[in-house]
Protein backbone atom coordinates (compact mmCIF):
# COMPACT_ATOMS: atom_id res chain seq x y z
CA UNK A 1 0.00 0.00 0.00
CA UNK A 2 2.87 2.28 -0.79
CA UNK A 3 3.50 4.91 -3.39
CA UNK A 4 1.83 3.78 -6.60
CA UNK A 5 3.15 5.57 -9.70
CA UNK A 6 0.07 5.53 -11.90
CA UNK A 7 0.73 6.46 -15.52
CA UNK A 8 -2.93 7.26 -15.96
CA UNK A 9 -3.07 10.59 -14.12
CA UNK A 10 -6.20 11.75 -15.85
CA UNK A 11 -7.40 15.16 -16.94
CA UNK A 12 -10.37 14.80 -14.62
CA UNK A 13 -7.98 14.44 -11.71
CA UNK A 14 -6.07 17.66 -12.39
CA UNK A 15 -8.14 19.66 -9.97
CA UNK A 16 -5.25 21.17 -8.06
CA UNK A 17 -2.60 21.13 -10.74
CA UNK A 18 -2.12 24.88 -10.70
CA UNK A 19 -2.28 25.41 -6.94
CA UNK A 20 0.10 22.50 -6.31
CA UNK A 21 2.66 23.43 -8.90
CA UNK A 22 2.39 19.99 -10.49
CA UNK A 23 3.20 21.05 -14.03
CA UNK A 24 3.48 17.46 -15.25
CA UNK A 25 -0.25 17.03 -14.59
CA UNK A 26 -1.15 19.71 -17.10
CA UNK A 27 -0.45 17.57 -20.16
CA UNK A 28 -1.00 13.93 -20.95
CA UNK A 29 2.23 11.91 -21.02
CA UNK A 30 2.67 9.54 -23.93
CA UNK A 31 0.64 6.37 -23.46
CA UNK A 32 -1.59 7.90 -20.77
CA UNK A 33 -5.00 6.32 -20.40
CA UNK A 34 -8.23 8.28 -20.74
CA UNK A 35 -10.83 8.54 -17.96
CA UNK A 36 -13.11 5.80 -19.34
CA UNK A 37 -10.14 3.43 -19.49
CA UNK A 38 -9.31 3.82 -15.80
CA UNK A 39 -12.91 4.16 -14.56
CA UNK A 40 -12.81 0.46 -13.76
CA UNK A 41 -12.43 -1.66 -10.66
CA UNK A 42 -8.66 -1.96 -11.02
CA UNK A 43 -8.26 1.69 -12.00
CA UNK A 44 -10.21 2.96 -9.00
CA UNK A 45 -8.43 0.66 -6.56
CA UNK A 46 -5.05 1.71 -7.97
CA UNK A 47 -5.94 5.39 -7.66
CA UNK A 48 -7.03 4.83 -4.06
CA UNK A 49 -3.70 3.19 -3.24
CA UNK A 50 -2.02 6.19 -4.82
CA UNK A 51 -3.97 8.38 -2.39
CA UNK A 52 -2.76 6.23 0.51
CA UNK A 53 0.79 6.65 -0.82
CA UNK A 54 0.91 10.30 0.24
CA UNK A 55 0.60 9.31 3.91
CA UNK A 56 4.40 9.11 4.07
CA UNK A 57 4.70 12.72 2.89
CA UNK A 58 6.52 11.82 -0.30
CA UNK A 59 5.52 12.15 -3.94
CA UNK A 60 8.69 10.73 -5.48
CA UNK A 61 12.37 10.33 -4.70
CA UNK A 62 13.73 10.21 -1.19
CA UNK A 63 15.54 13.45 -0.29
CA UNK A 64 13.82 16.73 0.49
CA UNK A 65 10.54 15.51 2.05
CA UNK A 66 11.31 16.53 5.62
CA UNK A 67 8.69 19.26 6.00
CA UNK A 68 5.97 16.88 4.81
CA UNK A 69 6.99 13.98 7.09
CA UNK A 70 3.96 12.23 8.62
CA UNK A 71 5.65 12.70 12.00
CA UNK A 72 5.51 16.49 11.43
CA UNK A 73 8.78 16.77 13.33
CA UNK A 74 9.72 20.13 11.86
CA UNK A 75 6.47 21.99 12.54
CA UNK A 76 5.23 19.98 15.51
CA UNK A 77 8.46 19.57 17.50
CA UNK A 78 11.27 21.82 16.22
CA UNK A 79 8.91 24.80 16.38
CA UNK A 80 8.14 23.88 19.99
CA UNK A 81 10.16 23.55 23.19
CA UNK A 82 10.82 19.84 22.57
CA UNK A 83 13.38 19.75 19.77
CA UNK A 84 16.06 21.64 17.89
CA UNK A 85 16.64 21.45 14.17
CA UNK A 86 20.06 20.06 15.06
CA UNK A 87 22.99 19.61 12.70
CA UNK A 88 24.93 22.89 12.32
CA UNK A 89 23.59 26.42 12.38
CA UNK A 90 24.40 26.98 8.69
CA UNK A 91 22.76 23.73 7.54
CA UNK A 92 19.19 24.01 6.19
CA UNK A 93 18.82 27.69 7.18
CA UNK A 94 15.15 27.73 6.19
CA UNK A 95 14.53 25.24 8.98
CA UNK A 96 16.12 27.73 11.37
CA UNK A 97 13.36 30.15 10.38
CA UNK A 98 10.73 27.59 11.36
CA UNK A 99 12.45 27.12 14.71
CA UNK A 100 12.86 30.81 15.53
CA UNK A 101 9.50 32.04 14.16
CA UNK A 102 10.89 34.18 11.33
CA UNK A 103 9.55 32.25 8.32
CA UNK A 104 8.55 34.10 5.18
CA UNK A 105 6.48 33.02 2.22
CA UNK A 106 9.58 31.97 0.23
CA UNK A 107 10.52 29.22 2.71
CA UNK A 108 10.87 25.96 0.78
CA UNK A 109 9.63 23.92 3.74
CA UNK A 110 6.26 25.64 3.41
CA UNK A 111 6.10 24.92 -0.32
CA UNK A 112 6.91 21.26 0.32
CA UNK A 113 4.16 20.98 2.91
CA UNK A 114 1.62 22.66 0.62
CA UNK A 115 2.46 20.73 -2.52
CA UNK A 116 2.71 17.26 -1.00
CA UNK A 117 -0.55 17.37 0.93
CA UNK A 118 -2.50 19.00 -1.87
CA UNK A 119 -1.20 16.13 -3.98
CA UNK A 120 -2.87 13.87 -1.44
CA UNK A 121 -6.10 15.85 -1.84
CA UNK A 122 -5.75 15.51 -5.62
CA UNK A 123 -5.42 11.74 -5.43
CA UNK A 124 -8.36 11.38 -3.05
CA UNK A 125 -10.50 13.56 -5.32
CA UNK A 126 -9.42 11.61 -8.39
CA UNK A 127 -10.42 8.36 -6.67
CA UNK A 128 -13.87 9.72 -5.91
CA UNK A 129 -14.35 10.97 -9.47
CA UNK A 130 -13.29 7.67 -11.01
CA UNK A 131 -15.53 5.80 -8.58
CA UNK A 132 -18.51 7.92 -9.59
CA UNK A 133 -17.81 7.20 -13.27
CA UNK A 134 -17.75 3.47 -12.55
CA UNK A 135 -20.98 3.56 -10.57
CA UNK A 136 -22.73 5.54 -13.29
CA UNK A 137 -21.36 3.26 -16.01
CA UNK A 138 -20.18 -0.35 -16.02
CA UNK A 139 -20.53 -0.75 -12.24
CA UNK A 140 -17.63 -3.16 -11.94
CA UNK A 141 -17.39 -2.27 -8.27
CA UNK A 142 -20.10 -3.56 -5.93
CA UNK A 143 -22.19 -1.01 -4.07
CA UNK A 144 -20.78 -2.22 -0.76
CA UNK A 145 -17.18 -1.81 -1.89
CA UNK A 146 -17.97 1.52 -3.53
CA UNK A 147 -19.20 2.84 -0.19
CA UNK A 148 -16.01 1.64 1.51
CA UNK A 149 -13.85 3.31 -1.14
CA UNK A 150 -15.72 6.57 -0.62
CA UNK A 151 -15.08 6.26 3.11
CA UNK A 152 -11.37 5.58 2.63
CA UNK A 153 -10.88 8.40 0.13
CA UNK A 154 -12.78 10.93 2.22
CA UNK A 155 -10.93 9.86 5.38
CA UNK A 156 -7.61 10.40 3.60
CA UNK A 157 -8.77 13.74 2.21
CA UNK A 158 -9.82 14.87 5.69
CA UNK A 159 -6.37 13.97 7.02
CA UNK A 160 -4.52 15.82 4.28
CA UNK A 161 -6.69 18.90 4.73
CA UNK A 162 -6.28 18.80 8.52
CA UNK A 163 -2.50 18.75 8.20
CA UNK A 164 -2.66 21.70 5.80
CA UNK A 165 -5.12 23.57 8.01
CA UNK A 166 -2.93 23.26 11.12
CA UNK A 167 -0.02 24.81 9.24
CA UNK A 168 -1.70 27.44 7.06
CA UNK A 169 -5.25 27.81 8.50
CA UNK A 170 -6.60 29.73 5.49
CA UNK A 171 -6.57 27.32 2.57
CA UNK A 172 -8.80 26.68 -0.46
CA UNK A 173 -11.12 23.68 -0.34
CA UNK A 174 -11.18 21.71 -3.58
CA UNK A 175 -13.21 18.54 -3.95
CA UNK A 176 -13.99 16.05 -6.68
CA UNK A 177 -16.63 18.37 -8.16
CA UNK A 178 -14.29 21.34 -8.59
CA UNK A 179 -13.32 21.98 -12.19
CA UNK A 180 -9.78 22.83 -13.21
CA UNK A 181 -10.73 26.41 -14.06
CA UNK A 182 -12.43 26.80 -10.69
CA UNK A 183 -9.45 25.31 -8.87
CA UNK A 184 -7.09 27.86 -10.41
CA UNK A 185 -8.89 30.76 -8.75
CA UNK A 186 -10.45 29.12 -5.68
CA UNK A 187 -10.13 31.63 -2.81
CA UNK A 188 -8.97 30.74 0.69
CA UNK A 189 -11.54 32.79 2.59
CA UNK A 190 -13.69 29.84 3.71
CA UNK A 191 -13.41 27.93 6.99
CA UNK A 192 -12.67 24.40 5.77
CA UNK A 193 -13.05 22.68 9.16
CA UNK A 194 -16.75 21.92 8.58
CA UNK A 195 -15.73 20.21 5.31
CA UNK A 196 -13.15 18.12 7.19
CA UNK A 197 -15.82 17.17 9.71
CA UNK A 198 -18.23 16.17 6.93
CA UNK A 199 -15.62 13.84 5.43
CA UNK A 200 -14.84 12.28 8.81
CA UNK A 201 -18.52 11.74 9.62
CA UNK A 202 -18.98 10.00 6.29
CA UNK A 203 -15.97 7.80 7.05
CA UNK A 204 -17.41 6.89 10.47
CA UNK A 205 -20.76 5.94 8.94
CA UNK A 206 -19.34 3.91 6.08
CA UNK A 207 -16.02 2.33 7.08
CA UNK A 208 -15.86 -1.07 8.77
CA UNK A 209 -14.39 -1.60 12.22
CA UNK A 210 -12.08 -4.28 10.82
CA UNK A 211 -9.26 -3.68 8.36
CA UNK A 212 -10.24 -3.95 4.71
CA UNK A 213 -8.45 -6.92 3.11
CA UNK A 214 -6.72 -7.43 6.46
CA UNK A 215 -4.24 -4.67 5.57
CA UNK A 216 -3.06 -2.88 8.70
CA UNK A 217 -2.53 0.48 7.04
CA UNK A 218 -6.14 0.86 5.86
CA UNK A 219 -8.53 3.44 7.25
CA UNK A 220 -11.31 2.14 9.51
CA UNK A 221 -14.18 3.33 11.68
CA UNK A 222 -12.10 3.71 14.87
CA UNK A 223 -9.52 5.84 13.09
CA UNK A 224 -12.28 8.09 11.78
CA UNK A 225 -13.82 8.40 15.27
CA UNK A 226 -10.49 9.24 16.87
CA UNK A 227 -9.73 11.78 14.15
CA UNK A 228 -13.12 13.48 14.38
CA UNK A 229 -12.71 13.66 18.15
CA UNK A 230 -9.34 15.30 17.63
CA UNK A 231 -10.83 17.91 15.29
CA UNK A 232 -13.55 18.63 17.85
CA UNK A 233 -10.83 18.96 20.51
CA UNK A 234 -9.16 21.69 18.44
CA UNK A 235 -12.53 23.46 18.40
CA UNK A 236 -12.91 23.03 22.17
CA UNK A 237 -16.05 20.93 21.65
CA UNK A 238 -15.30 18.66 24.58
CA UNK A 239 -18.78 17.21 24.86
CA UNK A 240 -18.85 16.15 21.21
CA UNK A 241 -15.31 14.74 21.24
CA UNK A 242 -15.55 12.65 24.42
CA UNK A 243 -18.10 10.03 23.22
CA UNK A 244 -15.97 9.40 20.14
CA UNK A 245 -12.84 8.85 22.22
CA UNK A 246 -14.79 6.67 24.65
CA UNK A 247 -15.96 4.47 21.79
CA UNK A 248 -12.40 4.05 20.49
CA UNK A 249 -11.10 3.17 23.95
CA UNK A 250 -13.91 0.72 24.77
CA UNK A 251 -12.56 -2.57 26.12
CA UNK A 252 -8.91 -1.61 25.63
CA UNK A 253 -6.32 -1.53 28.43
CA UNK A 254 -3.37 0.70 27.58
CA UNK A 255 -1.34 -0.73 30.47
CA UNK A 256 -1.06 -4.07 28.64
CA UNK A 257 0.44 -2.46 25.52
CA UNK A 258 4.19 -1.90 26.00
CA UNK A 259 5.26 1.71 25.38
CA UNK A 260 8.41 0.66 23.54
CA UNK A 261 6.50 -1.41 20.98
CA UNK A 262 5.32 1.80 19.32
CA UNK A 263 8.86 2.40 18.07
CA UNK A 264 9.91 -1.20 17.41
CA UNK A 265 10.25 -1.98 13.70
CA UNK A 266 9.51 -5.66 14.39
CA UNK A 267 6.22 -4.97 16.22
CA UNK A 268 4.56 -2.41 14.00
CA UNK A 269 1.00 -3.73 13.92
CA UNK A 270 0.44 -3.73 17.66
CA UNK A 271 -2.80 -3.02 19.45
CA UNK A 272 -1.91 0.60 20.21
CA UNK A 273 -1.42 1.65 16.61
CA UNK A 274 -4.49 3.37 15.16
CA UNK A 275 -3.68 5.58 12.18
CA UNK A 276 -0.26 4.70 10.79
CA UNK A 277 1.87 5.74 7.85
CA UNK A 278 3.12 2.37 6.62
CA UNK A 279 6.65 2.27 5.21
CA UNK A 280 8.64 -0.23 3.19
CA UNK A 281 12.00 -0.65 1.49
CA UNK A 282 11.31 -1.63 -2.11
CA UNK A 283 12.74 -4.94 -3.27
CA UNK A 284 15.31 -3.10 -5.42
CA UNK A 285 16.45 -1.03 -2.43
CA UNK A 286 14.54 2.06 -3.56
CA UNK A 287 13.48 4.34 -0.71
CA UNK A 288 10.37 6.02 -2.17
CA UNK A 289 8.06 4.16 0.19
CA UNK A 290 10.36 4.27 3.22
CA UNK A 291 10.28 6.67 6.17
CA UNK A 292 12.04 9.34 4.13
CA UNK A 293 10.51 12.20 6.11
CA UNK A 294 12.51 11.29 9.22
CA UNK A 295 15.78 10.38 7.50
CA UNK A 296 17.67 13.49 8.67
CA UNK A 297 17.20 12.44 12.29
CA UNK A 298 19.76 9.68 11.87
CA UNK A 299 22.64 9.82 14.32
CA UNK A 300 25.85 11.44 13.10
CA UNK A 301 29.57 10.77 13.16
CA UNK A 302 30.85 7.48 14.54
CA UNK A 303 27.37 6.15 15.28
CA UNK A 304 26.27 3.02 13.41
CA UNK A 305 23.87 5.23 11.43
CA UNK A 306 26.42 7.81 10.29
CA UNK A 307 24.03 10.54 9.10
CA UNK A 308 22.51 13.13 9.39
CA UNK A 309 22.50 14.73 12.83
CA UNK A 310 19.22 16.69 12.78
CA UNK A 311 16.26 16.68 15.18
CA UNK A 312 17.84 16.82 18.62
CA UNK A 313 15.85 16.91 21.88
CA UNK A 314 16.12 20.15 23.82
CA UNK A 315 17.75 20.43 27.21
CA UNK A 316 14.38 21.66 28.46
CA UNK A 317 12.61 18.49 27.33
CA UNK A 318 15.21 16.25 28.97
CA UNK A 319 14.88 18.08 32.27
CA UNK A 320 11.08 17.89 32.07
CA UNK A 321 11.42 14.16 32.77
CA UNK A 322 12.70 14.87 36.30
CA UNK A 323 10.41 13.64 39.08
CA UNK A 324 9.96 14.56 42.72
CA UNK A 325 10.17 12.24 45.71
CA UNK A 326 6.66 10.99 44.94
CA UNK A 327 7.54 10.02 41.38
CA UNK A 328 5.52 12.91 39.97
CA UNK A 329 6.57 15.54 37.41
CA UNK A 330 7.48 19.06 38.48
CA UNK A 331 4.46 20.90 37.14
CA UNK A 332 5.71 24.28 38.33
CA UNK A 333 8.71 24.13 35.92
CA UNK A 334 11.13 23.82 38.84
CA UNK A 335 12.77 21.06 36.80
CA UNK A 336 14.85 23.88 35.33
CA UNK A 337 16.58 24.43 38.69
CA UNK A 338 20.02 22.79 38.82
CA UNK A 339 19.61 21.78 35.21
CA UNK A 340 20.98 18.52 33.91
CA UNK A 341 22.98 19.19 30.74
CA UNK A 342 25.17 16.10 30.37
CA UNK A 343 28.75 17.12 29.39
CA UNK A 344 27.76 20.39 27.72
CA UNK A 345 30.29 23.12 28.47
CA UNK A 346 33.01 20.80 29.75
CA UNK A 347 36.48 20.75 28.19
CA UNK A 348 39.79 18.92 28.48
CA UNK A 349 40.05 16.26 31.16
CA UNK A 350 36.64 17.13 32.58
CA UNK A 351 35.06 16.35 29.22
CA UNK A 352 37.08 13.19 28.64
CA UNK A 353 36.46 11.82 32.13
CA UNK A 354 32.80 12.82 32.35
CA UNK A 355 30.73 10.22 34.16
CA UNK A 356 26.96 9.98 34.16
CA UNK A 357 25.23 10.98 37.39
CA UNK A 358 22.99 7.98 38.05
CA UNK A 359 21.47 9.45 41.22
CA UNK A 360 19.15 11.80 39.32
CA UNK A 361 15.45 10.90 39.54
CA UNK A 362 13.87 10.58 36.10
CA UNK A 363 10.72 9.22 34.53
CA UNK A 364 11.94 6.11 32.65
CA UNK A 365 10.34 7.33 29.40
CA UNK A 366 13.30 9.72 29.13
CA UNK A 367 15.73 7.00 28.09
CA UNK A 368 13.25 5.50 25.61
CA UNK A 369 12.91 8.94 23.97
CA UNK A 370 16.37 10.51 24.26
CA UNK A 371 19.92 9.30 23.88
CA UNK A 372 22.33 10.75 26.45
CA UNK A 373 25.99 10.22 27.15
CA UNK A 374 26.75 7.20 29.32
CA UNK A 375 23.44 5.39 28.71
CA UNK A 376 22.95 2.31 26.54
CA UNK A 377 21.30 3.25 23.23
CA UNK A 378 19.24 0.47 21.60
CA UNK A 379 21.84 -2.17 20.61
CA UNK A 380 24.43 0.40 19.49
CA UNK A 381 26.29 0.43 22.79
CA UNK A 382 26.76 3.35 25.14
CA UNK A 383 25.95 6.78 23.70
CA UNK A 384 29.38 8.50 23.68
CA UNK A 385 28.24 12.12 23.48
CA UNK A 386 29.72 14.51 20.92
CA UNK A 387 30.98 11.73 18.65
CA UNK A 388 27.38 11.16 17.51
CA UNK A 389 26.45 14.86 17.26
CA UNK A 390 27.16 17.44 14.54
CA UNK A 391 27.61 20.45 16.84
CA UNK A 392 26.68 20.07 20.50
CA UNK A 393 27.47 23.73 21.23
CA UNK A 394 24.72 24.70 18.79
CA UNK A 395 21.94 22.17 19.36
CA UNK A 396 22.86 20.50 22.62
CA UNK A 397 24.26 17.19 23.92
CA UNK A 398 21.25 14.93 23.32
CA UNK A 399 19.98 12.82 20.39
CA UNK A 400 16.57 11.38 19.58
CA UNK A 401 15.61 7.72 19.71
CA UNK A 402 12.02 7.16 18.56
CA UNK A 403 12.94 7.38 14.86
CA UNK A 404 15.84 4.93 15.07
CA UNK A 405 15.92 1.17 14.60
CA UNK A 406 18.35 -1.32 16.19
CA UNK A 407 21.61 -2.03 14.37
CA UNK A 408 20.60 -5.68 14.21
CA UNK A 409 17.65 -4.67 12.00
CA UNK A 410 19.59 -2.62 9.42
CA UNK A 411 19.87 -5.48 6.93
CA UNK A 412 16.13 -6.14 6.86
CA UNK A 413 14.73 -2.68 7.49
CA UNK A 414 17.11 -0.03 6.09
CA UNK A 415 18.18 0.99 2.60
CA UNK A 416 21.50 -0.73 1.82
CA UNK A 417 24.33 1.67 2.62
CA UNK A 418 21.90 4.25 4.03
CA UNK A 419 21.07 3.18 7.56
CA UNK A 420 19.31 6.49 8.20
CA UNK A 421 16.56 5.54 5.70
CA UNK A 422 14.38 2.85 7.27
CA UNK A 423 10.94 1.34 6.91
CA UNK A 424 9.93 2.18 10.47
CA UNK A 425 6.22 3.04 10.46
CA UNK A 426 5.03 6.34 11.92
CA UNK A 427 1.99 6.57 14.19
CA UNK A 428 -0.21 9.49 13.22
CA UNK A 429 -2.65 8.62 16.03
CA UNK A 430 -1.90 6.00 18.67
CA UNK A 431 -4.06 4.86 21.54
CA UNK A 432 -2.13 6.76 24.24
CA UNK A 433 -2.90 9.96 22.36
CA UNK A 434 -6.61 9.07 22.46
CA UNK A 435 -6.42 8.25 26.20
CA UNK A 436 -4.95 11.66 26.90
CA UNK A 437 -7.39 13.47 24.62
CA UNK A 438 -10.23 11.74 26.47
CA UNK A 439 -8.67 12.84 29.77
CA UNK A 440 -8.49 16.41 28.47
CA UNK A 441 -12.18 16.38 27.58
CA UNK A 442 -13.06 15.06 31.04
CA UNK A 443 -11.00 17.79 32.69
CA UNK A 444 -12.65 20.55 30.67
CA UNK A 445 -16.06 19.02 31.53
CA UNK A 446 -14.91 18.88 35.18
CA UNK A 447 -15.05 15.07 35.41
CA UNK A 448 -11.80 14.97 37.37
CA UNK A 449 -11.94 11.39 38.79
CA UNK A 450 -12.33 9.95 35.29
CA UNK A 451 -9.50 12.12 33.99
CA UNK A 452 -7.33 10.99 36.91
CA UNK A 453 -7.85 7.33 36.01
CA UNK A 454 -7.05 7.91 32.35
CA UNK A 455 -3.84 9.83 33.03
CA UNK A 456 -2.77 7.32 35.65
CA UNK A 457 -3.23 4.48 33.15
CA UNK A 458 -0.54 6.12 31.01
CA UNK A 459 1.73 6.58 34.02
CA UNK A 460 1.16 3.04 35.29
CA UNK A 461 2.25 1.71 31.94
CA UNK A 462 5.38 3.90 32.00
CA UNK A 463 6.28 2.37 35.37
CA UNK A 464 6.64 -1.01 33.62
CA UNK A 465 9.54 0.15 31.43
CA UNK A 466 12.75 -1.72 32.11
CA UNK A 467 15.55 0.48 33.46
CA UNK A 468 18.16 1.55 30.92
CA UNK A 469 21.73 0.71 31.87
CA UNK A 470 25.16 2.31 31.85
CA UNK A 471 28.31 0.70 30.50
CA UNK A 472 28.85 -0.70 34.00
CA UNK A 473 25.51 -2.51 34.11
CA UNK A 474 23.91 -0.32 36.75
CA UNK A 475 20.73 1.68 36.26
CA UNK A 476 21.31 4.93 34.36
CA UNK A 477 19.06 6.93 36.71
CA UNK A 478 16.95 6.70 39.81
CA UNK A 479 13.88 5.81 37.79
CA UNK A 480 10.48 6.58 39.22
CA UNK A 481 7.02 7.24 37.80
CA UNK A 482 3.97 6.95 40.00
CA UNK A 483 0.26 7.73 39.66
CA UNK A 484 -1.35 10.92 40.92
CA UNK A 485 -3.31 10.33 44.14
CA UNK A 486 -5.88 13.01 43.30
CA UNK A 487 -6.60 16.12 41.26
CA UNK A 488 -7.50 18.79 43.83
CA UNK A 489 -8.93 21.15 41.23
CA UNK A 490 -9.45 21.64 37.52
CA UNK A 491 -6.41 23.88 37.05
CA UNK A 492 -4.09 21.31 38.61
CA UNK A 493 -5.60 18.55 36.49
CA UNK A 494 -5.14 20.66 33.37
CA UNK A 495 -1.45 21.18 34.14
CA UNK A 496 -1.01 17.45 34.82
CA UNK A 497 -2.66 16.53 31.52
CA UNK A 498 -0.59 18.97 29.50
CA UNK A 499 2.62 17.79 31.12
CA UNK A 500 1.69 14.15 30.55
CA UNK A 501 1.10 14.72 26.85
CA UNK A 502 4.57 16.20 26.63
CA UNK A 503 6.23 13.27 28.39
CA UNK A 504 4.31 10.52 26.59
CA UNK A 505 4.22 11.96 23.07
CA UNK A 506 7.54 13.83 22.95
CA UNK A 507 9.22 13.85 19.52
CA UNK A 508 6.04 12.55 17.83
CA UNK A 509 4.86 15.79 16.23
CA UNK A 510 2.18 17.01 18.65
CA UNK A 511 3.76 19.57 20.94
CA UNK A 512 3.62 22.84 18.97
CA UNK A 513 0.03 22.26 17.90
CA UNK A 514 -0.94 21.45 21.49
CA UNK A 515 0.58 24.69 22.77
CA UNK A 516 -1.26 26.69 20.12
CA UNK A 517 -4.66 25.12 20.68
CA UNK A 518 -4.30 25.53 24.45
CA UNK A 519 -3.62 29.23 23.94
CA UNK A 520 -0.33 29.13 25.87
CA UNK A 521 2.22 29.10 23.03
CA UNK A 522 3.63 32.58 23.65
CA UNK A 523 4.01 32.07 27.39
CA UNK A 524 5.48 28.57 27.10
CA UNK A 525 7.87 29.21 24.21
CA UNK A 526 9.28 32.49 25.45
CA UNK A 527 9.79 30.98 28.91
CA UNK A 528 11.54 28.04 27.26
CA UNK A 529 13.73 30.43 25.26
CA UNK A 530 14.86 32.14 28.43
CA UNK A 531 15.98 28.81 29.90
CA UNK A 532 17.37 27.12 26.79
CA UNK A 533 19.04 30.30 25.57
CA UNK A 534 21.02 30.56 28.81
CA UNK A 535 22.71 27.27 27.84
CA UNK A 536 22.61 27.40 24.03
CA UNK A 537 22.84 30.99 22.74
CA UNK A 538 21.14 30.26 19.41
CA UNK A 539 17.79 29.96 21.21
CA UNK A 540 17.98 33.09 23.33
CA UNK A 541 15.43 35.92 23.08
CA UNK A 542 12.92 34.16 20.85
CA UNK A 543 9.76 36.20 20.37
CA UNK A 544 6.47 34.46 19.64
CA UNK A 545 3.41 36.43 18.56
CA UNK A 546 -0.10 35.41 17.59
CA UNK A 547 0.75 35.52 13.88
CA UNK A 548 3.32 32.77 14.54
CA UNK A 549 0.55 30.28 15.34
CA UNK A 550 0.28 29.64 11.59
CA UNK A 551 2.75 29.93 8.74
CA UNK A 552 2.73 32.09 5.60
CA UNK A 553 1.13 30.69 2.47
CA UNK A 554 3.89 30.04 -0.10
CA UNK A 555 4.19 33.05 -2.39
CA UNK A 556 4.57 30.71 -5.36
CA UNK A 557 1.04 29.41 -4.71
CA UNK A 558 -0.36 32.94 -4.47
CA UNK A 559 1.30 33.75 -7.79
CA UNK A 560 -0.15 30.65 -9.44
CA UNK A 561 -3.62 31.64 -8.26
CA UNK A 562 -3.31 35.04 -9.94
CA UNK A 563 -3.42 36.54 -6.44
CA UNK A 564 -6.76 34.92 -5.61
CA UNK A 565 -5.19 33.39 -2.50
CA UNK A 566 -4.80 35.92 0.31
CA UNK A 567 -1.68 35.84 2.47
CA UNK A 568 -2.13 35.00 6.15
C-alpha cells in the first residue's frame, strides 16, 4: 500500500494542478489512459492506493521531504520547546526560520508541505471521481465496496486537509466536483473545518471496524472516530469529542500495551497503533516508500547510522522528565533548577572523564525517547556524546531515539548503505494519544476522577519500562514514575494533563500544535527560550506572537492563483 506511480493521471484528476505546482499534470504523457479506461475496478483501486501513498509525505524520490513527514517533526516539534533542528547552524537555514519564528512566504519547507498534501487531496478527489464514473457506467465495483472506497478516500482527504489547516489555516477547499478552471482561482476565505468534519462523519458511517483486506494500514471506523474527536478537541467541543474517544477506547487496556513497541520496527502492527503511515524498502532497495521524512534524524559521526545529525531533543525536554520524591513531574517548571545538561560546556580532562550521574530521579520514558551520554542506546552500545552529534554547542548534547531502529535490523529494514533511511512506520494517532485526549475532555467538563484514572493508566504503563543501563551494568538513573493520588482542582488537572502529553508523546509531532490550541504558546515558548538560551545561545530571546501560530502561504502558490489566494 505504498506509493503507486500511476501512468494514468487523468485530466479529470487535475483539480489542483495549478495550486500545487504539479506542471506534469497539465499535459498527458505519452501512453496515458483516458478517464473511461481507468474508470474500472482496477483503476479505481489503484488510484485509491495512490492516495494512501501520500501518507508518508513523499511524492517521489527520497531526499527533500522533511517538512511533509507524517511525524511532522519540523512543525510539531522543532517549532516547539521539545526539539532543535540540530545539525549545524548553517545547515538548512530555512529550517532555522521555522524554529525561531521568522519564516517568510519563500521558505521551501512551506512549499513542500503545501504541494505534498495538496497532492494527497488531488489523489483522493481523483479516486472519488473515477468511482462515480464506474458507478454511473459499467458498475464493476459492488455497491458495498464503492461505499467503503468513498469512506477511505474521504478519510484520507480529511487527514490531508487537517494537516494543511494546522499549518496554514486559510486554505482553499477543492473537492472532486471542482473543475480545473475553478481550482485555479479558488479563494482561501472559507473555513474548511466543517468540510473536514463532513468527510470524517462520512468515514465513520461507512467504514468497517475491521481492516479492509486485512491490511493494517487501511482506514477504519475507529480511526475516523479518533480523528473526528481530535478535530472537535481543536474546536474546544469537549462534549462532542468525548463520546468518540470513549468508543475508540472501549474494552482496551493501555497498560497491557508496552510503550516501547510503538517504536519497534519488528512490532509495527500492535494493538496501540491506530492511524499509521506504513513504510517499506522496495525490493530493489529504492526508498520512495520508506520513512524518508525522518531520515535526517539519523545519528551522526561514529554512530552506526552515520548521518545526518538533525532533530535533537532540547535540554528543556530532557529536564522535564525529572520527578519529585513521589515520582511525579514538576508541574511548576522547577525542573529547570540545577539543570541537567550532560557534558555540555566541559572541556579537556573534565570532558574526557565525564561520568553519568545515576542518582538523578527521572521518569523512565526519558531514556526510551532521548539518547544521552553514558546510557545504553538500543543495541548500538553506550551513547558516547559529541561523537554522535554534529555540533553540540549549537543544538545540545542529546539525540533522539524514537525514529531509530536497532543495528541488528539494518539489513532487513534499512536501505542498503543508508542506515538512516528505514521502513519504520510512523503513528499518526496511537491509543495513548486518544487516552490523553479523552482525559483532556473530562477535565474541561470537570469530570476529574475519570480524567485521573485515564492519566494514571498512562503513568502506570510507563512504570513497567525496564531500566536503561550504563556501560557498567547499573541503572542509568533513579527511575520513578507513579500515579497521581488526586486532582485537587481543575487547574491542577489541566497542568497534569498537558505535562503528561509532553512526556508521553515527545518527539512525535504534537507539541507545537498542542501549545497553540491551548492558547499558551507565547508564554510557554518564550519561557523556554529564556531557559534554553542561557545554555545554548542560538535559542535566546525568541519572540512568539499570535501571527506565529500559523505559517505564511507560499508566495509561489499565491502567484499561481493570480493573487486569488490571500496571504495569512
